[in-house]
mmCIF file of all heavy atoms, coordinates in Angstrom:
data_MODEL
# 
_entry.id   MODEL 
# 
loop_
_atom_site.group_PDB 
_atom_site.id 
_atom_site.type_symbol 
_atom_site.label_atom_id 
_atom_site.label_alt_id 
_atom_site.label_comp_id 
_atom_site.label_asym_id 
_atom_site.label_entity_id 
_atom_site.label_seq_id 
_atom_site.pdbx_PDB_ins_code 
_atom_site.Cartn_x 
_atom_site.Cartn_y 
_atom_site.Cartn_z 
_atom_site.occupancy 
_atom_site.B_iso_or_equiv 
_atom_site.pdbx_formal_charge 
_atom_site.auth_seq_id 
_atom_site.auth_comp_id 
_atom_site.auth_asym_id 
_atom_site.auth_atom_id 
_atom_site.pdbx_PDB_model_num 
ATOM 1   N N   . ILE A 1 1  ? 58.069 128.204 31.715 1.00 0.00 ? 1  ILE A N   1 
ATOM 2   C CA  . ILE A 1 1  ? 59.107 128.686 30.811 1.00 0.00 ? 1  ILE A CA  1 
ATOM 3   C C   . ILE A 1 1  ? 60.458 128.553 31.507 1.00 0.00 ? 1  ILE A C   1 
ATOM 4   O O   . ILE A 1 1  ? 60.546 128.572 32.731 1.00 0.00 ? 1  ILE A O   1 
ATOM 5   C CB  . ILE A 1 1  ? 58.875 130.148 30.377 1.00 0.00 ? 1  ILE A CB  1 
ATOM 6   C CG1 . ILE A 1 1  ? 58.850 131.078 31.565 1.00 0.00 ? 1  ILE A CG1 1 
ATOM 7   C CG2 . ILE A 1 1  ? 57.623 130.293 29.565 1.00 0.00 ? 1  ILE A CG2 1 
ATOM 8   C CD1 . ILE A 1 1  ? 58.862 132.537 31.182 1.00 0.00 ? 1  ILE A CD1 1 
ATOM 9   N N   . LEU A 1 2  ? 61.500 128.419 30.719 1.00 0.00 ? 2  LEU A N   1 
ATOM 10  C CA  . LEU A 1 2  ? 62.846 128.325 31.245 1.00 0.00 ? 2  LEU A CA  1 
ATOM 11  C C   . LEU A 1 2  ? 63.429 129.732 31.434 1.00 0.00 ? 2  LEU A C   1 
ATOM 12  O O   . LEU A 1 2  ? 63.019 130.672 30.753 1.00 0.00 ? 2  LEU A O   1 
ATOM 13  C CB  . LEU A 1 2  ? 63.723 127.526 30.298 1.00 0.00 ? 2  LEU A CB  1 
ATOM 14  C CG  . LEU A 1 2  ? 63.304 126.086 30.053 1.00 0.00 ? 2  LEU A CG  1 
ATOM 15  C CD1 . LEU A 1 2  ? 64.200 125.432 28.990 1.00 0.00 ? 2  LEU A CD1 1 
ATOM 16  C CD2 . LEU A 1 2  ? 63.360 125.284 31.348 1.00 0.00 ? 2  LEU A CD2 1 
ATOM 17  N N   . MET A 1 3  ? 64.386 129.850 32.304 1.00 0.00 ? 3  MET A N   1 
ATOM 18  C CA  . MET A 1 3  ? 65.070 131.142 32.500 1.00 0.00 ? 3  MET A CA  1 
ATOM 19  C C   . MET A 1 3  ? 65.761 131.594 31.241 1.00 0.00 ? 3  MET A C   1 
ATOM 20  O O   . MET A 1 3  ? 65.986 132.787 31.031 1.00 0.00 ? 3  MET A O   1 
ATOM 21  C CB  . MET A 1 3  ? 66.062 131.061 33.664 1.00 0.00 ? 3  MET A CB  1 
ATOM 22  C CG  . MET A 1 3  ? 65.402 130.903 35.017 1.00 0.00 ? 3  MET A CG  1 
ATOM 23  S SD  . MET A 1 3  ? 64.267 132.240 35.438 1.00 0.00 ? 3  MET A SD  1 
ATOM 24  C CE  . MET A 1 3  ? 65.383 133.609 35.566 1.00 0.00 ? 3  MET A CE  1 
ATOM 25  N N   . SER A 1 4  ? 66.112 130.677 30.360 1.00 0.00 ? 4  SER A N   1 
ATOM 26  C CA  . SER A 1 4  ? 66.781 131.032 29.116 1.00 0.00 ? 4  SER A CA  1 
ATOM 27  C C   . SER A 1 4  ? 65.814 131.449 28.013 1.00 0.00 ? 4  SER A C   1 
ATOM 28  O O   . SER A 1 4  ? 66.233 131.839 26.931 1.00 0.00 ? 4  SER A O   1 
ATOM 29  C CB  . SER A 1 4  ? 67.624 129.845 28.624 1.00 0.00 ? 4  SER A CB  1 
ATOM 30  O OG  . SER A 1 4  ? 66.779 128.714 28.418 1.00 0.00 ? 4  SER A OG  1 
ATOM 31  N N   . ASP A 1 5  ? 64.518 131.400 28.279 1.00 0.00 ? 5  ASP A N   1 
ATOM 32  C CA  . ASP A 1 5  ? 63.503 131.769 27.304 1.00 0.00 ? 5  ASP A CA  1 
ATOM 33  C C   . ASP A 1 5  ? 63.640 133.257 26.956 1.00 0.00 ? 5  ASP A C   1 
ATOM 34  O O   . ASP A 1 5  ? 63.837 134.089 27.831 1.00 0.00 ? 5  ASP A O   1 
ATOM 35  C CB  . ASP A 1 5  ? 62.110 131.521 27.896 1.00 0.00 ? 5  ASP A CB  1 
ATOM 36  C CG  . ASP A 1 5  ? 61.008 131.641 26.853 1.00 0.00 ? 5  ASP A CG  1 
ATOM 37  O OD1 . ASP A 1 5  ? 60.847 132.736 26.292 1.00 0.00 ? 5  ASP A OD1 1 
ATOM 38  O OD2 . ASP A 1 5  ? 60.306 130.653 26.622 1.00 0.00 ? 5  ASP A OD2 1 
ATOM 39  N N   . PRO A 1 6  ? 63.544 133.618 25.668 1.00 0.00 ? 6  PRO A N   1 
ATOM 40  C CA  . PRO A 1 6  ? 63.629 135.035 25.277 1.00 0.00 ? 6  PRO A CA  1 
ATOM 41  C C   . PRO A 1 6  ? 62.606 135.914 25.981 1.00 0.00 ? 6  PRO A C   1 
ATOM 42  O O   . PRO A 1 6  ? 62.851 137.107 26.195 1.00 0.00 ? 6  PRO A O   1 
ATOM 43  C CB  . PRO A 1 6  ? 63.367 135.009 23.763 1.00 0.00 ? 6  PRO A CB  1 
ATOM 44  C CG  . PRO A 1 6  ? 63.753 133.631 23.347 1.00 0.00 ? 6  PRO A CG  1 
ATOM 45  C CD  . PRO A 1 6  ? 63.442 132.742 24.511 1.00 0.00 ? 6  PRO A CD  1 
ATOM 46  N N   . LEU A 1 7  ? 61.474 135.343 26.374 1.00 0.00 ? 7  LEU A N   1 
ATOM 47  C CA  . LEU A 1 7  ? 60.463 136.099 27.100 1.00 0.00 ? 7  LEU A CA  1 
ATOM 48  C C   . LEU A 1 7  ? 61.038 136.655 28.420 1.00 0.00 ? 7  LEU A C   1 
ATOM 49  O O   . LEU A 1 7  ? 60.765 137.781 28.800 1.00 0.00 ? 7  LEU A O   1 
ATOM 50  C CB  . LEU A 1 7  ? 59.241 135.228 27.371 1.00 0.00 ? 7  LEU A CB  1 
ATOM 51  C CG  . LEU A 1 7  ? 58.102 135.874 28.145 1.00 0.00 ? 7  LEU A CG  1 
ATOM 52  C CD1 . LEU A 1 7  ? 57.508 137.053 27.363 1.00 0.00 ? 7  LEU A CD1 1 
ATOM 53  C CD2 . LEU A 1 7  ? 57.012 134.873 28.445 1.00 0.00 ? 7  LEU A CD2 1 
ATOM 54  N N   . VAL A 1 8  ? 61.823 135.842 29.082 1.00 0.00 ? 8  VAL A N   1 
ATOM 55  C CA  . VAL A 1 8  ? 62.442 136.265 30.336 1.00 0.00 ? 8  VAL A CA  1 
ATOM 56  C C   . VAL A 1 8  ? 63.419 137.425 30.078 1.00 0.00 ? 8  VAL A C   1 
ATOM 57  O O   . VAL A 1 8  ? 63.427 138.429 30.777 1.00 0.00 ? 8  VAL A O   1 
ATOM 58  C CB  . VAL A 1 8  ? 63.159 135.094 31.034 1.00 0.00 ? 8  VAL A CB  1 
ATOM 59  C CG1 . VAL A 1 8  ? 63.910 135.568 32.265 1.00 0.00 ? 8  VAL A CG1 1 
ATOM 60  C CG2 . VAL A 1 8  ? 62.157 134.006 31.411 1.00 0.00 ? 8  VAL A CG2 1 
ATOM 61  N N   . PHE A 1 9  ? 64.217 137.297 29.040 1.00 0.00 ? 9  PHE A N   1 
ATOM 62  C CA  . PHE A 1 9  ? 65.214 138.326 28.716 1.00 0.00 ? 9  PHE A CA  1 
ATOM 63  C C   . PHE A 1 9  ? 64.549 139.632 28.242 1.00 0.00 ? 9  PHE A C   1 
ATOM 64  O O   . PHE A 1 9  ? 65.150 140.695 28.344 1.00 0.00 ? 9  PHE A O   1 
ATOM 65  C CB  . PHE A 1 9  ? 66.191 137.836 27.641 1.00 0.00 ? 9  PHE A CB  1 
ATOM 66  C CG  . PHE A 1 9  ? 67.177 136.855 28.196 1.00 0.00 ? 9  PHE A CG  1 
ATOM 67  C CD1 . PHE A 1 9  ? 67.039 135.500 27.921 1.00 0.00 ? 9  PHE A CD1 1 
ATOM 68  C CD2 . PHE A 1 9  ? 68.223 137.262 29.005 1.00 0.00 ? 9  PHE A CD2 1 
ATOM 69  C CE1 . PHE A 1 9  ? 67.950 134.585 28.429 1.00 0.00 ? 9  PHE A CE1 1 
ATOM 70  C CE2 . PHE A 1 9  ? 69.132 136.353 29.525 1.00 0.00 ? 9  PHE A CE2 1 
ATOM 71  C CZ  . PHE A 1 9  ? 68.995 135.006 29.230 1.00 0.00 ? 9  PHE A CZ  1 
ATOM 72  N N   . SER A 1 10 ? 63.333 139.544 27.741 1.00 0.00 ? 10 SER A N   1 
ATOM 73  C CA  . SER A 1 10 ? 62.664 140.739 27.240 1.00 0.00 ? 10 SER A CA  1 
ATOM 74  C C   . SER A 1 10 ? 61.995 141.560 28.336 1.00 0.00 ? 10 SER A C   1 
ATOM 75  O O   . SER A 1 10 ? 61.548 142.674 28.097 1.00 0.00 ? 10 SER A O   1 
ATOM 76  C CB  . SER A 1 10 ? 61.638 140.351 26.179 1.00 0.00 ? 10 SER A CB  1 
ATOM 77  O OG  . SER A 1 10 ? 60.537 139.671 26.774 1.00 0.00 ? 10 SER A OG  1 
ATOM 78  N N   . MET A 1 11 ? 61.930 141.018 29.549 1.00 0.00 ? 11 MET A N   1 
ATOM 79  C CA  . MET A 1 11 ? 61.286 141.711 30.649 1.00 0.00 ? 11 MET A CA  1 
ATOM 80  C C   . MET A 1 11 ? 62.157 142.858 31.138 1.00 0.00 ? 11 MET A C   1 
ATOM 81  O O   . MET A 1 11 ? 63.370 142.724 31.251 1.00 0.00 ? 11 MET A O   1 
ATOM 82  C CB  . MET A 1 11 ? 61.015 140.774 31.820 1.00 0.00 ? 11 MET A CB  1 
ATOM 83  C CG  . MET A 1 11 ? 59.988 139.727 31.530 1.00 0.00 ? 11 MET A CG  1 
ATOM 84  S SD  . MET A 1 11 ? 59.797 138.676 32.983 1.00 0.00 ? 11 MET A SD  1 
ATOM 85  C CE  . MET A 1 11 ? 58.622 137.524 32.368 1.00 0.00 ? 11 MET A CE  1 
ATOM 86  N N   . ASN A 1 12 ? 61.529 143.981 31.424 1.00 0.00 ? 12 ASN A N   1 
ATOM 87  C CA  . ASN A 1 12 ? 62.252 145.112 31.985 1.00 0.00 ? 12 ASN A CA  1 
ATOM 88  C C   . ASN A 1 12 ? 62.510 144.849 33.477 1.00 0.00 ? 12 ASN A C   1 
ATOM 89  O O   . ASN A 1 12 ? 61.608 144.496 34.210 1.00 0.00 ? 12 ASN A O   1 
ATOM 90  C CB  . ASN A 1 12 ? 61.443 146.417 31.849 1.00 0.00 ? 12 ASN A CB  1 
ATOM 91  C CG  . ASN A 1 12 ? 61.417 146.883 30.423 1.00 0.00 ? 12 ASN A CG  1 
ATOM 92  O OD1 . ASN A 1 12 ? 62.346 146.681 29.669 1.00 0.00 ? 12 ASN A OD1 1 
ATOM 93  N ND2 . ASN A 1 12 ? 60.311 147.522 30.034 1.00 0.00 ? 12 ASN A ND2 1 
ATOM 94  N N   . VAL A 1 13 ? 63.739 145.007 33.859 1.00 0.00 ? 13 VAL A N   1 
ATOM 95  C CA  . VAL A 1 13 ? 64.105 144.829 35.265 1.00 0.00 ? 13 VAL A CA  1 
ATOM 96  C C   . VAL A 1 13 ? 64.489 146.187 35.811 1.00 0.00 ? 13 VAL A C   1 
ATOM 97  O O   . VAL A 1 13 ? 65.308 146.904 35.246 1.00 0.00 ? 13 VAL A O   1 
ATOM 98  C CB  . VAL A 1 13 ? 65.310 143.863 35.396 1.00 0.00 ? 13 VAL A CB  1 
ATOM 99  C CG1 . VAL A 1 13 ? 65.730 143.731 36.851 1.00 0.00 ? 13 VAL A CG1 1 
ATOM 100 C CG2 . VAL A 1 13 ? 64.939 142.506 34.812 1.00 0.00 ? 13 VAL A CG2 1 
ATOM 101 N N   . HIS A 1 14 ? 63.847 146.552 36.909 1.00 0.00 ? 14 HIS A N   1 
ATOM 102 C CA  . HIS A 1 14 ? 64.135 147.841 37.522 1.00 0.00 ? 14 HIS A CA  1 
ATOM 103 C C   . HIS A 1 14 ? 65.038 147.611 38.736 1.00 0.00 ? 14 HIS A C   1 
ATOM 104 O O   . HIS A 1 14 ? 64.663 146.882 39.657 1.00 0.00 ? 14 HIS A O   1 
ATOM 105 C CB  . HIS A 1 14 ? 62.828 148.512 37.962 1.00 0.00 ? 14 HIS A CB  1 
ATOM 106 C CG  . HIS A 1 14 ? 61.877 148.732 36.821 1.00 0.00 ? 14 HIS A CG  1 
ATOM 107 N ND1 . HIS A 1 14 ? 62.068 149.727 35.895 1.00 0.00 ? 14 HIS A ND1 1 
ATOM 108 C CD2 . HIS A 1 14 ? 60.774 148.065 36.438 1.00 0.00 ? 14 HIS A CD2 1 
ATOM 109 C CE1 . HIS A 1 14 ? 61.107 149.666 35.003 1.00 0.00 ? 14 HIS A CE1 1 
ATOM 110 N NE2 . HIS A 1 14 ? 60.300 148.654 35.299 1.00 0.00 ? 14 HIS A NE2 1 
ATOM 111 N N   . PRO A 1 15 ? 66.229 148.173 38.691 1.00 0.00 ? 15 PRO A N   1 
ATOM 112 C CA  . PRO A 1 15 ? 67.137 147.976 39.807 1.00 0.00 ? 15 PRO A CA  1 
ATOM 113 C C   . PRO A 1 15 ? 66.563 148.449 41.125 1.00 0.00 ? 15 PRO A C   1 
ATOM 114 O O   . PRO A 1 15 ? 65.885 149.491 41.176 1.00 0.00 ? 15 PRO A O   1 
ATOM 115 C CB  . PRO A 1 15 ? 68.378 148.781 39.447 1.00 0.00 ? 15 PRO A CB  1 
ATOM 116 C CG  . PRO A 1 15 ? 68.213 149.166 38.001 1.00 0.00 ? 15 PRO A CG  1 
ATOM 117 C CD  . PRO A 1 15 ? 66.763 149.049 37.686 1.00 0.00 ? 15 PRO A CD  1 
ATOM 118 N N   . SER A 1 16 ? 66.824 147.748 42.162 1.00 0.00 ? 16 SER A N   1 
ATOM 119 C CA  . SER A 1 16 ? 66.350 148.140 43.499 1.00 0.00 ? 16 SER A CA  1 
ATOM 120 C C   . SER A 1 16 ? 67.267 149.214 44.061 1.00 0.00 ? 16 SER A C   1 
ATOM 121 O O   . SER A 1 16 ? 68.485 149.160 43.883 1.00 0.00 ? 16 SER A O   1 
ATOM 122 C CB  . SER A 1 16 ? 66.359 146.919 44.420 1.00 0.00 ? 16 SER A CB  1 
ATOM 123 O OG  . SER A 1 16 ? 66.054 147.324 45.743 1.00 0.00 ? 16 SER A OG  1 
ATOM 124 N N   . GLN A 1 17 ? 66.676 150.148 44.744 1.00 0.00 ? 17 GLN A N   1 
ATOM 125 C CA  . GLN A 1 17 ? 67.469 151.191 45.405 1.00 0.00 ? 17 GLN A CA  1 
ATOM 126 C C   . GLN A 1 17 ? 67.680 150.856 46.879 1.00 0.00 ? 17 GLN A C   1 
ATOM 127 O O   . GLN A 1 17 ? 68.270 151.632 47.613 1.00 0.00 ? 17 GLN A O   1 
ATOM 128 C CB  . GLN A 1 17 ? 66.773 152.550 45.266 1.00 0.00 ? 17 GLN A CB  1 
ATOM 129 C CG  . GLN A 1 17 ? 66.605 153.004 43.838 1.00 0.00 ? 17 GLN A CG  1 
ATOM 130 C CD  . GLN A 1 17 ? 67.908 153.092 43.062 1.00 0.00 ? 17 GLN A CD  1 
ATOM 131 O OE1 . GLN A 1 17 ? 68.886 153.629 43.568 1.00 0.00 ? 17 GLN A OE1 1 
ATOM 132 N NE2 . GLN A 1 17 ? 67.940 152.538 41.864 1.00 0.00 ? 17 GLN A NE2 1 
ATOM 133 N N   . GLU A 1 18 ? 67.206 149.693 47.273 1.00 0.00 ? 18 GLU A N   1 
ATOM 134 C CA  . GLU A 1 18 ? 67.347 149.271 48.662 1.00 0.00 ? 18 GLU A CA  1 
ATOM 135 C C   . GLU A 1 18 ? 68.829 148.993 48.958 1.00 0.00 ? 18 GLU A C   1 
ATOM 136 O O   . GLU A 1 18 ? 69.493 148.289 48.210 1.00 0.00 ? 18 GLU A O   1 
ATOM 137 C CB  . GLU A 1 18 ? 66.510 148.008 48.916 1.00 0.00 ? 18 GLU A CB  1 
ATOM 138 C CG  . GLU A 1 18 ? 66.541 147.578 50.348 1.00 0.00 ? 18 GLU A CG  1 
ATOM 139 C CD  . GLU A 1 18 ? 65.691 146.340 50.578 1.00 0.00 ? 18 GLU A CD  1 
ATOM 140 O OE1 . GLU A 1 18 ? 65.131 145.766 49.631 1.00 0.00 ? 18 GLU A OE1 1 
ATOM 141 O OE2 . GLU A 1 18 ? 65.617 145.932 51.739 1.00 0.00 ? 18 GLU A OE2 1 
ATOM 142 N N   . PRO A 1 19 ? 69.326 149.502 50.061 1.00 0.00 ? 19 PRO A N   1 
ATOM 143 C CA  . PRO A 1 19 ? 70.742 149.299 50.369 1.00 0.00 ? 19 PRO A CA  1 
ATOM 144 C C   . PRO A 1 19 ? 71.066 147.871 50.795 1.00 0.00 ? 19 PRO A C   1 
ATOM 145 O O   . PRO A 1 19 ? 70.207 147.129 51.264 1.00 0.00 ? 19 PRO A O   1 
ATOM 146 C CB  . PRO A 1 19 ? 71.001 150.263 51.523 1.00 0.00 ? 19 PRO A CB  1 
ATOM 147 C CG  . PRO A 1 19 ? 69.663 150.426 52.183 1.00 0.00 ? 19 PRO A CG  1 
ATOM 148 C CD  . PRO A 1 19 ? 68.653 150.307 51.069 1.00 0.00 ? 19 PRO A CD  1 
ATOM 149 N N   . PHE A 1 20 ? 72.331 147.506 50.605 1.00 0.00 ? 20 PHE A N   1 
ATOM 150 C CA  . PHE A 1 20 ? 72.843 146.247 51.111 1.00 0.00 ? 20 PHE A CA  1 
ATOM 151 C C   . PHE A 1 20 ? 73.439 146.469 52.477 1.00 0.00 ? 20 PHE A C   1 
ATOM 152 O O   . PHE A 1 20 ? 73.957 147.554 52.781 1.00 0.00 ? 20 PHE A O   1 
ATOM 153 C CB  . PHE A 1 20 ? 73.950 145.702 50.171 1.00 0.00 ? 20 PHE A CB  1 
ATOM 154 C CG  . PHE A 1 20 ? 73.449 145.079 48.908 1.00 0.00 ? 20 PHE A CG  1 
ATOM 155 C CD1 . PHE A 1 20 ? 73.340 145.827 47.763 1.00 0.00 ? 20 PHE A CD1 1 
ATOM 156 C CD2 . PHE A 1 20 ? 73.101 143.746 48.882 1.00 0.00 ? 20 PHE A CD2 1 
ATOM 157 C CE1 . PHE A 1 20 ? 72.881 145.256 46.586 1.00 0.00 ? 20 PHE A CE1 1 
ATOM 158 C CE2 . PHE A 1 20 ? 72.644 143.163 47.718 1.00 0.00 ? 20 PHE A CE2 1 
ATOM 159 C CZ  . PHE A 1 20 ? 72.543 143.906 46.566 1.00 0.00 ? 20 PHE A CZ  1 
ATOM 160 N N   . VAL A 1 21 ? 73.400 145.442 53.330 1.00 0.00 ? 21 VAL A N   1 
ATOM 161 C CA  . VAL A 1 21 ? 74.062 145.476 54.626 1.00 0.00 ? 21 VAL A CA  1 
ATOM 162 C C   . VAL A 1 21 ? 74.867 144.200 54.769 1.00 0.00 ? 21 VAL A C   1 
ATOM 163 O O   . VAL A 1 21 ? 74.556 143.172 54.183 1.00 0.00 ? 21 VAL A O   1 
ATOM 164 C CB  . VAL A 1 21 ? 73.064 145.624 55.803 1.00 0.00 ? 21 VAL A CB  1 
ATOM 165 C CG1 . VAL A 1 21 ? 72.346 146.955 55.752 1.00 0.00 ? 21 VAL A CG1 1 
ATOM 166 C CG2 . VAL A 1 21 ? 72.077 144.471 55.834 1.00 0.00 ? 21 VAL A CG2 1 
ATOM 167 N N   . ASP A 1 22 ? 75.918 144.278 55.559 1.00 0.00 ? 22 ASP A N   1 
ATOM 168 C CA  . ASP A 1 22 ? 76.775 143.123 55.798 1.00 0.00 ? 22 ASP A CA  1 
ATOM 169 C C   . ASP A 1 22 ? 76.207 142.367 57.006 1.00 0.00 ? 22 ASP A C   1 
ATOM 170 O O   . ASP A 1 22 ? 76.168 142.872 58.114 1.00 0.00 ? 22 ASP A O   1 
ATOM 171 C CB  . ASP A 1 22 ? 78.189 143.585 56.095 1.00 0.00 ? 22 ASP A CB  1 
ATOM 172 C CG  . ASP A 1 22 ? 79.171 142.446 56.168 1.00 0.00 ? 22 ASP A CG  1 
ATOM 173 O OD1 . ASP A 1 22 ? 78.753 141.267 56.188 1.00 0.00 ? 22 ASP A OD1 1 
ATOM 174 O OD2 . ASP A 1 22 ? 80.387 142.732 56.171 1.00 0.00 ? 22 ASP A OD2 1 
ATOM 175 N N   . LEU A 1 23 ? 75.774 141.126 56.763 1.00 0.00 ? 23 LEU A N   1 
ATOM 176 C CA  . LEU A 1 23 ? 75.188 140.310 57.846 1.00 0.00 ? 23 LEU A CA  1 
ATOM 177 C C   . LEU A 1 23 ? 76.177 140.041 58.956 1.00 0.00 ? 23 LEU A C   1 
ATOM 178 O O   . LEU A 1 23 ? 75.776 139.839 60.093 1.00 0.00 ? 23 LEU A O   1 
ATOM 179 C CB  . LEU A 1 23 ? 74.675 138.974 57.288 1.00 0.00 ? 23 LEU A CB  1 
ATOM 180 C CG  . LEU A 1 23 ? 73.280 138.971 56.697 1.00 0.00 ? 23 LEU A CG  1 
ATOM 181 C CD1 . LEU A 1 23 ? 72.950 137.594 56.158 1.00 0.00 ? 23 LEU A CD1 1 
ATOM 182 C CD2 . LEU A 1 23 ? 72.238 139.399 57.709 1.00 0.00 ? 23 LEU A CD2 1 
ATOM 183 N N   . VAL A 1 24 ? 77.461 140.036 58.651 1.00 0.00 ? 24 VAL A N   1 
ATOM 184 C CA  . VAL A 1 24 ? 78.470 139.778 59.674 1.00 0.00 ? 24 VAL A CA  1 
ATOM 185 C C   . VAL A 1 24 ? 78.352 140.796 60.809 1.00 0.00 ? 24 VAL A C   1 
ATOM 186 O O   . VAL A 1 24 ? 78.512 140.464 61.970 1.00 0.00 ? 24 VAL A O   1 
ATOM 187 C CB  . VAL A 1 24 ? 79.889 139.804 59.070 1.00 0.00 ? 24 VAL A CB  1 
ATOM 188 C CG1 . VAL A 1 24 ? 80.958 139.783 60.144 1.00 0.00 ? 24 VAL A CG1 1 
ATOM 189 C CG2 . VAL A 1 24 ? 80.067 138.636 58.099 1.00 0.00 ? 24 VAL A CG2 1 
# 
């Protein structure tokens, strides 16, 4: 399936609570 497929858009995405760090 393509990323533009409605099936992809219908999936529930749960935001990650994992923090970001600056690689620098």
